C-alpha atoms as a PDB file:
ATOM      1  CA  MET A   1     162.729 -26.445 155.474  1.00  0.00           C
ATOM      2  CA  SER A   2     159.907 -24.660 153.737  1.00  0.00           C
ATOM      3  CA  ASN A   3     158.213 -21.713 155.412  1.00  0.00           C
ATOM      4  CA  THR A   4     154.783 -22.911 154.289  1.00  0.00           C
ATOM      5  CA  ILE A   5     152.446 -25.738 155.184  1.00  0.00           C
ATOM      6  CA  ILE A   6     149.061 -26.664 153.752  1.00  0.00           C
ATOM      7  CA  LEU A   7     146.530 -28.456 155.935  1.00  0.00           C
ATOM      8  CA  THR A   8     143.078 -29.826 155.219  1.00  0.00           C
ATOM      9  CA  ILE A   9     140.653 -28.190 157.647  1.00  0.00           C
ATOM     10  CA  ASP A  10     136.904 -28.627 157.290  1.00  0.00           C
ATOM     11  CA  SER A  11     137.446 -30.223 153.842  1.00  0.00           C
ATOM     12  CA  ARG A  12     139.390 -27.140 152.641  1.00  0.00           C
ATOM     13  CA  GLN A  13     143.050 -26.685 151.851  1.00  0.00           C
ATOM     14  CA  ILE A  14     144.348 -23.910 154.131  1.00  0.00           C
ATOM     15  CA  GLY A  15     147.863 -22.611 153.636  1.00  0.00           C
ATOM     16  CA  PHE A  16     150.033 -21.136 156.377  1.00  0.00           C
ATOM     17  CA  LYS A  17     153.224 -19.161 155.761  1.00  0.00           C
ATOM     18  CA  ALA A  18     155.754 -17.959 158.341  1.00  0.00           C
ATOM     19  CA  THR A  19     157.852 -14.904 157.549  1.00  0.00           C
ATOM     20  CA  ALA A  20     159.545 -12.130 159.509  1.00  0.00           C
ATOM     21  CA  GLY A  21     156.399 -10.118 158.796  1.00  0.00           C
ATOM     22  CA  LEU A  22     154.568 -12.201 161.411  1.00  0.00           C
ATOM     23  CA  PHE A  23     155.533  -9.760 164.166  1.00  0.00           C
ATOM     24  CA  TYR A  24     154.344  -6.692 162.262  1.00  0.00           C
ATOM     25  CA  ARG A  25     151.144  -8.212 160.920  1.00  0.00           C
ATOM     26  CA  TYR A  26     150.223  -9.555 164.387  1.00  0.00           C
ATOM     27  CA  LYS A  27     150.749  -6.157 166.037  1.00  0.00           C
ATOM     28  CA  GLU A  28     148.907  -4.352 163.238  1.00  0.00           C
ATOM     29  CA  ALA A  29     145.917  -6.693 163.504  1.00  0.00           C
ATOM     30  CA  PHE A  30     145.700  -7.091 167.288  1.00  0.00           C
ATOM     31  CA  GLY A  31     147.536  -4.128 168.822  1.00  0.00           C
ATOM     32  CA  THR A  32     149.867  -6.297 170.905  1.00  0.00           C
ATOM     33  CA  GLU A  33     153.376  -7.607 170.429  1.00  0.00           C
ATOM     34  CA  TYR A  34     153.520 -11.234 169.281  1.00  0.00           C
ATOM     35  CA  LEU A  35     156.472 -12.192 171.465  1.00  0.00           C
ATOM     36  CA  GLU A  36     154.951 -10.551 174.548  1.00  0.00           C
ATOM     37  CA  ASP A  37     151.804 -12.615 174.024  1.00  0.00           C
ATOM     38  CA  VAL A  38     153.856 -15.792 173.557  1.00  0.00           C
ATOM     39  CA  VAL A  39     155.714 -15.105 176.825  1.00  0.00           C
ATOM     40  CA  LYS A  40     152.356 -14.685 178.593  1.00  0.00           C
ATOM     41  CA  VAL A  41     151.210 -18.002 177.103  1.00  0.00           C
ATOM     42  CA  HIS A  42     154.238 -19.776 178.555  1.00  0.00           C
ATOM     43  CA  LYS A  43     153.726 -18.020 181.876  1.00  0.00           C
ATOM     44  CA  PHE A  44     150.007 -18.786 182.280  1.00  0.00           C
ATOM     45  CA  GLY A  45     149.820 -22.242 180.691  1.00  0.00           C
ATOM     46  CA  LYS A  46     146.426 -23.349 179.379  1.00  0.00           C
ATOM     47  CA  GLY A  47     143.266 -21.289 179.138  1.00  0.00           C
ATOM     48  CA  ALA A  48     141.303 -18.873 176.998  1.00  0.00           C
ATOM     49  CA  PHE A  49     144.231 -16.495 176.454  1.00  0.00           C
ATOM     50  CA  VAL A  50     146.407 -19.330 175.169  1.00  0.00           C
ATOM     51  CA  GLN A  51     143.782 -20.317 172.614  1.00  0.00           C
ATOM     52  CA  GLN A  52     143.263 -16.690 171.631  1.00  0.00           C
ATOM     53  CA  VAL A  53     146.973 -16.339 170.838  1.00  0.00           C
ATOM     54  CA  GLU A  54     146.892 -19.617 168.892  1.00  0.00           C
ATOM     55  CA  TYR A  55     143.863 -18.477 166.851  1.00  0.00           C
ATOM     56  CA  ARG A  56     145.511 -15.122 166.182  1.00  0.00           C
ATOM     57  CA  THR A  57     148.803 -16.719 165.156  1.00  0.00           C
ATOM     58  CA  LEU A  58     147.115 -19.177 162.808  1.00  0.00           C
ATOM     59  CA  TRP A  59     145.086 -16.382 161.227  1.00  0.00           C
ATOM     60  CA  VAL A  60     148.226 -14.275 160.669  1.00  0.00           C
ATOM     61  CA  LEU A  61     150.016 -17.227 159.076  1.00  0.00           C
ATOM     62  CA  ALA A  62     147.015 -17.989 156.853  1.00  0.00           C
ATOM     63  CA  LYS A  63     146.686 -14.310 155.901  1.00  0.00           C
ATOM     64  CA  THR A  64     150.398 -14.218 155.043  1.00  0.00           C
ATOM     65  CA  TYR A  65     149.907 -17.242 152.780  1.00  0.00           C
ATOM     66  CA  ASP A  66     146.712 -15.881 151.197  1.00  0.00           C
ATOM     67  CA  ASP A  67     145.992 -12.168 151.529  1.00  0.00           C
ATOM     68  CA  SER A  68     142.348 -12.720 150.539  1.00  0.00           C
ATOM     69  CA  ILE A  69     141.663 -14.365 153.922  1.00  0.00           C
ATOM     70  CA  PRO A  70     138.875 -12.317 155.591  1.00  0.00           C
ATOM     71  CA  PRO A  71     139.115 -10.728 159.058  1.00  0.00           C
ATOM     72  CA  ILE A  72     139.784 -13.239 161.836  1.00  0.00           C
ATOM     73  CA  GLN A  73     136.239 -13.515 163.177  1.00  0.00           C
ATOM     74  CA  THR A  74     134.757 -14.014 159.705  1.00  0.00           C
ATOM     75  CA  TRP A  75     137.462 -16.551 158.863  1.00  0.00           C
ATOM     76  CA  LEU A  76     136.949 -18.565 162.051  1.00  0.00           C
ATOM     77  CA  ASP A  77     133.161 -18.420 161.648  1.00  0.00           C
ATOM     78  CA  SER A  78     133.527 -19.928 158.166  1.00  0.00           C
ATOM     79  CA  PHE A  79     134.561 -23.297 159.662  1.00  0.00           C
ATOM     80  CA  ALA A  80     131.934 -25.774 160.846  1.00  0.00           C
ATOM     81  CA  TYR A  81     131.537 -26.181 164.583  1.00  0.00           C
ATOM     82  CA  GLY A  82     134.271 -28.472 165.863  1.00  0.00           C
ATOM     83  CA  ALA A  83     136.122 -28.500 162.537  1.00  0.00           C
ATOM     84  CA  PHE A  84     138.938 -26.192 163.688  1.00  0.00           C
ATOM     85  CA  PRO A  85     140.808 -27.987 166.494  1.00  0.00           C
ATOM     86  CA  VAL A  86     143.081 -25.062 167.295  1.00  0.00           C
ATOM     87  CA  ASP A  87     145.568 -26.929 169.478  1.00  0.00           C
ATOM     88  CA  ASP A  88     146.075 -29.680 166.883  1.00  0.00           C
ATOM     89  CA  ILE A  89     146.426 -27.209 164.013  1.00  0.00           C
ATOM     90  CA  TYR A  90     148.800 -25.004 165.986  1.00  0.00           C
ATOM     91  CA  ASN A  91     151.004 -28.014 166.796  1.00  0.00           C
ATOM     92  CA  GLN A  92     151.149 -28.961 163.100  1.00  0.00           C
ATOM     93  CA  VAL A  93     152.152 -25.412 162.148  1.00  0.00           C
ATOM     94  CA  MET A  94     154.708 -25.054 164.955  1.00  0.00           C
ATOM     95  CA  PRO A  95     157.687 -26.325 162.884  1.00  0.00           C
ATOM     96  CA  ILE A  96     157.437 -23.438 160.396  1.00  0.00           C
ATOM     97  CA  LEU A  97     157.102 -20.966 163.280  1.00  0.00           C
ATOM     98  CA  GLN A  98     160.177 -22.382 164.998  1.00  0.00           C
ATOM     99  CA  ALA A  99     162.200 -22.399 161.785  1.00  0.00           C
ATOM    100  CA  ASN A 100     161.199 -18.787 161.161  1.00  0.00           C
ATOM    101  CA  MET A 101     162.575 -17.726 164.562  1.00  0.00           C
ATOM    102  CA  LYS A 102     165.764 -19.755 164.455  1.00  0.00           C
ATOM    103  CA  VAL A 103     168.879 -17.672 165.003  1.00  0.00           C
ATOM    104  CA  ASP A 104     171.882 -18.479 162.827  1.00  0.00           C
ATOM    105  CA  ARG A 105     174.878 -17.851 165.087  1.00  0.00           C
ATOM    106  CA  LYS A 106     177.230 -18.163 162.108  1.00  0.00           C
ATOM    107  CA  ASN A 107     175.681 -15.091 160.415  1.00  0.00           C
ATOM    108  CA  PRO A 108     175.626 -12.269 162.945  1.00  0.00           C
END
């Protein structure tokens, strides 16, 4: 499975790339641990925090794919109102996230 996916969002091709650097880039950008935030998401269910983590994760994956992506607020503001359905996009990107975190028990 590839570690990249390209989606059409607001009539633009946006690439997302999952690497081990996700954890470091997320912490560097937002000052919190990615996995700690994901655990909180699973603990609290739906709500503003869940969407915030989804937006952050998508931005990190887009930034990893294309380093010219601007800061998160500028990037999100560049999409037309309603053109960035975060839950739908996150669900489409989930397979590359899951593949990136898969543990190979045969290679300790």
